N, C-alpha and C. Protein backbone atom coordinates (compact mmCIF):
# COMPACT_ATOMS: atom_id res chain seq x y z
N UNK A 1 17.78 -0.90 2.24
CA UNK A 1 17.15 -0.11 1.76
C UNK A 1 17.01 0.70 2.25
N UNK A 2 15.72 1.52 1.47
CA UNK A 2 15.69 3.23 2.29
C UNK A 2 14.23 3.42 2.05
N UNK A 3 13.98 5.09 1.83
CA UNK A 3 13.21 6.13 1.62
C UNK A 3 13.14 7.38 1.07
N UNK A 4 12.22 7.44 1.37
CA UNK A 4 12.37 9.56 0.80
C UNK A 4 10.87 9.86 1.24
N UNK A 5 10.72 11.13 1.18
CA UNK A 5 9.44 11.82 1.40
C UNK A 5 9.26 12.34 0.43
N UNK A 6 7.88 12.80 -0.43
CA UNK A 6 7.92 13.28 -1.45
C UNK A 6 6.95 14.10 -1.22
N UNK A 7 6.52 15.57 -1.33
CA UNK A 7 5.31 16.85 -0.43
C UNK A 7 4.78 17.35 -2.17
N UNK A 8 3.34 17.72 -2.22
CA UNK A 8 2.71 18.35 -3.26
C UNK A 8 1.36 17.98 -4.02
N UNK A 9 0.78 18.79 -4.12
CA UNK A 9 -0.97 18.33 -4.38
C UNK A 9 -1.62 18.75 -3.52
N UNK A 10 -0.90 18.94 -2.12
CA UNK A 10 -2.30 18.52 -0.94
C UNK A 10 -1.95 17.28 0.04
N UNK A 11 -0.81 16.69 -0.56
CA UNK A 11 -0.74 15.06 -0.20
C UNK A 11 1.00 14.89 -0.11
N UNK A 12 1.48 13.99 0.75
CA UNK A 12 2.91 13.86 0.57
C UNK A 12 3.09 11.84 0.63
N UNK A 13 4.17 11.39 0.64
CA UNK A 13 4.50 10.35 0.37
C UNK A 13 5.97 10.06 0.09
N UNK A 14 5.33 9.31 1.37
CA UNK A 14 6.80 8.12 1.69
C UNK A 14 6.79 6.99 0.87
N UNK A 15 8.17 6.79 0.10
CA UNK A 15 8.34 6.01 -1.11
C UNK A 15 8.94 4.99 0.38
N UNK A 16 9.25 3.28 0.25
CA UNK A 16 10.27 2.76 0.95
C UNK A 16 10.41 1.23 -0.21
N UNK A 17 11.26 0.45 0.44
CA UNK A 17 11.84 -0.33 -0.64
C UNK A 17 12.65 -0.95 0.38
N UNK A 18 12.90 -2.31 -0.46
CA UNK A 18 13.91 -3.06 0.51
C UNK A 18 13.15 -4.05 1.42
N UNK A 19 13.76 -4.03 2.87
CA UNK A 19 13.17 -4.97 3.71
C UNK A 19 13.29 -4.04 5.04
N UNK A 20 12.32 -3.75 5.42
CA UNK A 20 12.29 -3.04 7.16
C UNK A 20 12.24 -3.86 8.30
N UNK A 21 13.20 -4.28 8.81
CA UNK A 21 13.63 -4.90 9.98
C UNK A 21 14.14 -4.83 10.89
N UNK A 22 14.14 -5.60 12.16
CA UNK A 22 14.90 -4.55 13.45
C UNK A 22 16.14 -3.66 13.27
N UNK A 23 17.03 -4.04 12.15
CA UNK A 23 18.05 -3.05 11.83
C UNK A 23 17.82 -2.13 11.44
N UNK A 24 17.24 -1.05 10.91
CA UNK A 24 16.89 -0.29 10.36
C UNK A 24 15.01 0.64 11.25
N UNK A 25 14.35 -0.49 11.54
CA UNK A 25 13.91 0.26 12.13
C UNK A 25 13.40 1.38 12.71
N UNK A 26 14.33 1.49 13.75
CA UNK A 26 14.69 2.82 14.24
C UNK A 26 14.26 3.77 13.87
N UNK A 27 15.15 3.77 13.08
CA UNK A 27 15.66 5.23 11.84
C UNK A 27 14.50 5.65 11.08
N UNK A 28 13.95 4.51 10.82
CA UNK A 28 12.25 4.70 10.04
C UNK A 28 11.15 5.10 10.59
N UNK A 29 11.30 4.74 11.83
CA UNK A 29 9.80 4.84 12.90
C UNK A 29 9.93 6.32 12.80
N UNK A 30 11.42 7.00 13.03
CA UNK A 30 11.76 8.31 13.71
C UNK A 30 11.70 9.56 12.43
N UNK A 31 12.30 9.12 11.56
CA UNK A 31 11.77 9.28 10.11
C UNK A 31 10.16 9.49 8.88
N UNK A 32 8.97 8.45 9.81
CA UNK A 32 8.13 8.24 8.98
C UNK A 32 7.45 9.12 10.31
N UNK A 33 7.46 9.38 11.42
CA UNK A 33 6.81 9.92 12.48
C UNK A 33 6.91 11.11 12.33
N UNK A 34 7.74 11.59 11.93
CA UNK A 34 8.24 13.49 11.43
C UNK A 34 7.09 13.81 9.85
N UNK A 35 7.36 13.07 9.34
CA UNK A 35 7.18 12.78 7.68
C UNK A 35 5.07 12.77 8.18
N UNK A 36 5.00 11.45 8.95
CA UNK A 36 3.13 12.18 9.50
C UNK A 36 2.80 13.10 10.92
N UNK A 37 3.59 13.93 11.43
CA UNK A 37 3.36 14.75 12.06
C UNK A 37 3.44 16.45 11.67
N UNK A 38 4.40 15.94 10.50
CA UNK A 38 4.49 17.60 8.69
C UNK A 38 3.19 17.34 8.43
N UNK A 39 2.99 15.82 7.87
CA UNK A 39 1.53 15.49 7.29
C UNK A 39 -0.05 16.62 7.61
N UNK A 40 0.78 15.68 9.01
CA UNK A 40 -1.39 16.82 10.45
C UNK A 40 -0.96 18.07 10.02
N UNK A 41 -0.44 18.55 10.50
CA UNK A 41 0.65 19.81 10.31
C UNK A 41 -0.33 20.85 9.12
N UNK A 42 -0.16 20.53 8.04
CA UNK A 42 0.19 20.71 6.42
C UNK A 42 -2.11 20.32 6.45
N UNK A 43 -2.95 19.34 7.12
CA UNK A 43 -3.86 18.97 6.89
C UNK A 43 -3.30 18.12 5.22
N UNK A 44 -2.82 16.89 5.27
CA UNK A 44 -2.87 16.24 3.73
C UNK A 44 -2.56 15.05 4.59
N UNK A 45 -3.08 14.53 3.31
CA UNK A 45 -3.24 13.06 3.55
C UNK A 45 -1.91 12.37 3.30
N UNK A 46 -0.82 10.93 3.72
CA UNK A 46 -0.19 10.32 3.75
C UNK A 46 -0.14 9.32 2.93
N UNK A 47 0.74 9.22 2.01
CA UNK A 47 0.68 8.19 1.03
C UNK A 47 1.71 7.20 1.84
N UNK A 48 1.29 6.51 2.49
CA UNK A 48 3.19 5.66 2.76
C UNK A 48 2.82 4.29 0.51
N UNK A 49 3.70 4.34 0.56
CA UNK A 49 4.24 3.63 -0.43
C UNK A 49 5.33 2.42 -0.09
N UNK A 50 4.42 1.13 -0.33
CA UNK A 50 4.98 0.18 0.49
C UNK A 50 5.50 -0.51 -1.45
N UNK A 51 4.96 -0.33 -2.34
CA UNK A 51 5.01 -0.84 -3.69
C UNK A 51 6.87 -1.28 -3.82
N UNK A 52 7.79 -1.20 -3.62
CA UNK A 52 9.31 -1.70 -3.60
C UNK A 52 9.79 -2.50 -2.67
N UNK A 53 8.04 -2.40 -1.09
CA UNK A 53 8.84 -3.31 -0.01
C UNK A 53 9.30 -4.70 -0.33
N UNK A 54 9.94 -4.92 0.25
CA UNK A 54 9.95 -7.01 -0.35
C UNK A 54 9.14 -7.71 1.19
N UNK A 55 10.07 -7.23 2.06
CA UNK A 55 9.79 -8.34 3.37
C UNK A 55 9.46 -6.82 4.44
N UNK A 56 8.48 -7.20 5.91
CA UNK A 56 8.03 -6.15 7.19
C UNK A 56 8.21 -7.55 7.93
N UNK A 57 8.83 -6.88 9.41
CA UNK A 57 9.02 -7.26 10.06
C UNK A 57 8.26 -6.81 11.47
N UNK A 58 7.92 -7.74 12.22
CA UNK A 58 6.84 -6.67 13.10
C UNK A 58 7.41 -5.35 13.66
N UNK A 59 8.16 -5.21 13.53
CA UNK A 59 8.96 -3.75 13.81
C UNK A 59 8.09 -2.80 12.81
N UNK A 60 8.49 -3.05 11.72
CA UNK A 60 8.03 -2.58 10.60
C UNK A 60 6.76 -1.84 10.70
N UNK A 61 5.67 -3.00 10.89
CA UNK A 61 4.30 -3.33 11.36
C UNK A 61 4.69 -2.46 12.29
N UNK A 62 5.38 -1.58 13.48
CA UNK A 62 4.72 -1.10 14.90
C UNK A 62 4.90 0.28 14.18
N UNK A 63 6.37 0.32 13.33
CA UNK A 63 6.77 1.81 13.00
C UNK A 63 5.54 2.54 12.05
N UNK A 64 4.65 1.74 10.86
CA UNK A 64 3.30 1.56 10.90
C UNK A 64 2.43 2.22 11.30
N UNK A 65 2.16 1.61 12.70
CA UNK A 65 1.63 1.83 13.82
C UNK A 65 1.32 3.02 14.64
N UNK A 66 2.44 3.32 15.35
CA UNK A 66 2.51 4.98 15.69
C UNK A 66 2.18 5.93 14.71
N UNK A 67 2.73 5.81 13.13
CA UNK A 67 2.48 7.00 11.87
C UNK A 67 1.34 7.87 12.30
N UNK A 68 0.47 6.05 12.23
CA UNK A 68 -0.92 6.11 12.88
C UNK A 68 -1.89 7.48 13.52
N UNK A 69 -0.62 7.18 14.54
CA UNK A 69 -1.06 7.69 16.19
C UNK A 69 -0.86 9.65 16.08
N UNK A 70 0.34 9.89 14.10
CA UNK A 70 0.57 10.79 14.44
C UNK A 70 -0.31 11.91 13.54
N UNK A 71 -0.39 11.03 12.52
CA UNK A 71 -1.50 11.30 11.18
C UNK A 71 -2.30 10.73 11.36
N UNK A 72 -4.13 11.30 11.21
CA UNK A 72 -5.00 10.46 11.15
C UNK A 72 -5.12 9.70 9.79
N UNK A 73 -4.66 10.53 8.34
CA UNK A 73 -5.22 10.65 7.06
C UNK A 73 -3.87 9.58 5.90
N UNK A 74 -4.06 8.32 6.35
CA UNK A 74 -2.79 7.71 5.93
C UNK A 74 -3.58 6.41 4.64
N UNK A 75 -2.62 6.74 3.93
CA UNK A 75 -2.94 5.25 3.39
C UNK A 75 -2.13 4.98 2.39
N UNK A 76 -2.23 3.67 2.38
CA UNK A 76 -1.16 2.80 2.39
C UNK A 76 -1.18 2.33 0.68
N UNK A 77 0.06 2.04 0.22
CA UNK A 77 0.00 1.61 -1.43
C UNK A 77 0.58 0.21 -1.81
N UNK A 78 0.02 -0.71 -1.31
CA UNK A 78 0.64 -2.57 -1.55
C UNK A 78 -0.26 -3.03 -2.48
N UNK A 79 1.17 -3.70 -3.54
CA UNK A 79 0.85 -4.86 -4.31
C UNK A 79 0.12 -5.75 -2.81
N UNK A 80 -0.03 -7.17 -4.67
CA UNK A 80 -0.53 -8.42 -3.73
C UNK A 80 1.14 -8.89 -3.65
N UNK A 81 1.28 -9.83 -3.17
CA UNK A 81 2.36 -9.84 -2.43
C UNK A 81 2.63 -10.42 -0.41
N UNK A 82 3.44 -11.02 -0.55
CA UNK A 82 4.11 -10.81 0.78
C UNK A 82 3.75 -10.00 1.40
N UNK A 83 3.95 -8.22 0.89
CA UNK A 83 4.06 -7.63 1.92
C UNK A 83 2.52 -7.63 2.04
N UNK A 84 1.67 -7.61 1.34
CA UNK A 84 0.67 -7.35 1.64
C UNK A 84 -0.54 -9.26 2.22
N UNK A 85 0.33 -10.10 1.90
CA UNK A 85 -0.30 -10.95 3.56
C UNK A 85 0.09 -9.99 4.62
N UNK A 86 1.36 -10.17 4.42
CA UNK A 86 1.61 -9.30 6.12
C UNK A 86 0.75 -8.26 6.43
N UNK A 87 -0.14 -7.73 6.44
CA UNK A 87 -0.86 -6.31 6.56
C UNK A 87 -2.17 -7.35 6.79
N UNK A 88 -2.62 -8.51 5.93
CA UNK A 88 -3.31 -8.98 6.10
C UNK A 88 -3.92 -9.76 7.33
N UNK A 89 -2.47 -10.58 7.50
CA UNK A 89 -2.78 -10.97 8.88
C UNK A 89 -2.32 -10.94 10.08
N UNK A 90 -1.34 -9.27 9.80
CA UNK A 90 -1.05 -8.76 11.36
C UNK A 90 -2.90 -7.72 11.52
N UNK A 91 -3.53 -7.77 10.26
CA UNK A 91 -4.43 -6.51 10.66
C UNK A 91 -4.42 -5.45 11.07
N UNK A 92 -3.65 -4.91 10.22
CA UNK A 92 -3.86 -3.34 9.97
C UNK A 92 -4.14 -3.41 8.50
N UNK A 93 -4.25 -3.62 7.68
CA UNK A 93 -5.09 -3.42 6.65
C UNK A 93 -6.34 -3.72 7.21
N UNK A 94 -7.19 -3.69 8.44
CA UNK A 94 -8.61 -2.39 8.46
C UNK A 94 -7.88 -1.58 9.78
N UNK A 95 -6.36 -0.82 9.60
CA UNK A 95 -6.47 0.03 10.45
C UNK A 95 -5.96 1.36 9.39
N UNK A 96 -5.67 0.59 8.23
CA UNK A 96 -5.34 1.66 7.63
C UNK A 96 -5.79 1.34 6.45
N UNK A 97 -6.39 2.70 5.32
CA UNK A 97 -7.03 2.09 4.07
C UNK A 97 -5.37 1.47 3.36
N UNK A 98 -6.49 0.82 2.52
CA UNK A 98 -4.47 0.09 2.04
C UNK A 98 -5.58 -0.03 0.30
N UNK A 99 -4.34 0.11 -0.61
CA UNK A 99 -5.16 -0.04 -1.58
C UNK A 99 -3.59 -0.63 -2.91
N UNK A 100 -4.44 -0.54 -3.84
CA UNK A 100 -3.01 -1.84 -4.58
C UNK A 100 -2.55 -0.13 -5.75
N UNK A 101 -1.05 -0.31 -5.97
CA UNK A 101 -0.56 1.02 -7.12
C UNK A 101 -1.13 0.89 -7.61
N UNK A 102 -1.27 2.08 -8.46
CA UNK A 102 -1.62 2.68 -9.90
C UNK A 102 -1.21 2.18 -11.02
N UNK A 103 -1.69 1.22 -12.43
CA UNK A 103 -1.42 0.54 -13.52
C UNK A 103 -1.64 1.53 -14.10
N UNK A 104 -0.62 1.59 -15.15
CA UNK A 104 0.02 2.33 -15.79
C UNK A 104 -0.17 1.96 -17.62
N UNK A 105 -1.03 2.58 -18.46
CA UNK A 105 -0.66 1.72 -19.70
C UNK A 105 -0.35 3.00 -21.19
N UNK A 106 -0.47 2.72 -21.86
CA UNK A 106 0.45 3.49 -22.61
C UNK A 106 -0.86 3.22 -24.10
N UNK A 107 -1.39 4.80 -24.08
CA UNK A 107 -2.51 5.25 -25.08
C UNK A 107 -1.62 4.51 -26.44
N UNK A 108 -2.75 5.04 -27.15
CA UNK A 108 -2.72 4.64 -28.73
C UNK A 108 -1.57 5.66 -29.06
N UNK A 109 -1.75 7.59 -28.75
CA UNK A 109 -0.67 8.42 -28.64
C UNK A 109 0.77 8.83 -28.14
N UNK A 110 0.53 7.40 -27.32
CA UNK A 110 2.15 7.52 -26.13
C UNK A 110 1.57 8.09 -25.37
N UNK A 111 -0.02 9.19 -24.54
CA UNK A 111 0.22 9.24 -23.54
C UNK A 111 -0.45 7.72 -21.81
N UNK A 112 0.05 8.60 -21.90
CA UNK A 112 -0.69 7.29 -19.94
C UNK A 112 -1.01 8.15 -18.95
N UNK A 113 -2.43 6.96 -19.30
CA UNK A 113 -3.66 7.25 -18.91
C UNK A 113 -3.73 7.06 -16.98
N UNK A 114 -3.97 7.89 -16.29
CA UNK A 114 -4.22 7.46 -14.88
C UNK A 114 -5.46 6.63 -14.59
N UNK A 115 -5.59 5.08 -14.32
CA UNK A 115 -6.77 4.50 -14.00
C UNK A 115 -7.16 4.37 -12.85
N UNK A 116 -8.16 3.90 -12.72
CA UNK A 116 -8.74 3.74 -11.13
C UNK A 116 -7.61 2.48 -10.63
N UNK A 117 -7.88 2.89 -9.30
CA UNK A 117 -6.94 1.17 -8.93
C UNK A 117 -7.78 0.74 -7.76
N UNK A 118 -9.42 1.29 -7.80
CA UNK A 118 -10.12 0.13 -6.92
C UNK A 118 -11.26 0.17 -7.88
N UNK A 119 -12.23 -0.34 -7.66
CA UNK A 119 -14.21 0.15 -7.91
C UNK A 119 -14.18 -1.62 -8.37
N UNK A 120 -15.21 -1.99 -9.17
CA UNK A 120 -15.85 -3.31 -9.05
C UNK A 120 -15.05 -4.10 -9.84
N UNK A 121 -14.88 -4.95 -9.93
CA UNK A 121 -14.42 -5.94 -10.96
C UNK A 121 -14.93 -6.92 -11.81
N UNK A 122 -14.70 -7.21 -12.91
CA UNK A 122 -15.52 -8.02 -13.48
C UNK A 122 -14.72 -9.28 -14.56
N UNK A 123 -15.43 -10.13 -13.90
CA UNK A 123 -14.69 -11.63 -13.96
C UNK A 123 -15.21 -12.04 -15.07
N UNK A 124 -14.56 -13.05 -15.69
CA UNK A 124 -15.58 -13.81 -17.10
C UNK A 124 -16.21 -14.80 -16.42
N UNK A 125 -16.81 -15.54 -16.88
CA UNK A 125 -17.55 -16.35 -16.36
C UNK A 125 -16.99 -17.96 -16.59
N UNK A 126 -16.78 -18.32 -16.11
CA UNK A 126 -16.25 -19.86 -15.25
C UNK A 126 -16.32 -21.08 -16.74
N UNK A 127 -17.35 -20.79 -17.05
CA UNK A 127 -17.80 -22.09 -18.44
C UNK A 127 -18.89 -22.47 -17.56
N UNK A 128 -19.56 -23.33 -18.70
CA UNK A 128 -20.24 -24.25 -18.30
C UNK A 128 -19.78 -25.51 -17.51
N UNK A 129 -21.26 -25.64 -16.61
CA UNK A 129 -20.31 -27.00 -15.44
C UNK A 129 -20.03 -28.19 -15.81
N UNK A 130 -19.81 -28.81 -15.70
CA UNK A 130 -19.21 -30.08 -15.88
C UNK A 130 -21.34 -31.40 -15.75
N UNK A 131 -20.92 -31.78 -17.30
CA UNK A 131 -22.60 -32.96 -17.02
C UNK A 131 -22.26 -33.43 -16.88
N UNK A 132 -23.24 -33.93 -15.74
CA UNK A 132 -22.87 -35.72 -15.17
C UNK A 132 -23.60 -36.93 -16.48
N UNK A 133 -23.21 -38.09 -16.42
CA UNK A 133 -23.66 -39.22 -17.03
C UNK A 133 -24.86 -39.61 -16.81
N UNK A 134 -25.92 -39.86 -17.66
CA UNK A 134 -27.49 -40.03 -16.41
C UNK A 134 -27.58 -41.30 -15.93
N UNK A 135 -27.58 -41.33 -14.77
CA UNK A 135 -27.81 -42.63 -13.75
C UNK A 135 -28.33 -43.99 -14.50
N UNK A 136 -28.12 -45.06 -14.62
CA UNK A 136 -29.37 -46.13 -14.91
C UNK A 136 -29.97 -46.88 -14.03
């Protein structure tokens, strides 16, 4: 379990990895409260990156909710999976702005362009519906 804070370009990022459970949440909650208060004092958005978080307990959810009281502009970055499911079940996905992590592709020149992480999704057609045999 680990976490760290990075700042710059008008926002702060807290990266979290491992598992948030009752054993490490008091320390994480204090760290996150400090990061949220600091971001609020600087009028910065706080991004909490949960991309590398494998599990989150109710104690971890409480730490996130408490941070919301310190800094109003919080975004959670969280891919689909177990942690995202828990955010949905707990309805914290309606309290926080939750977004998918950025996907980077290497272009032909070796550059890595930033692509939008949300927006309309284009789905391919499902194909023709099955045809029933005429009833006699």
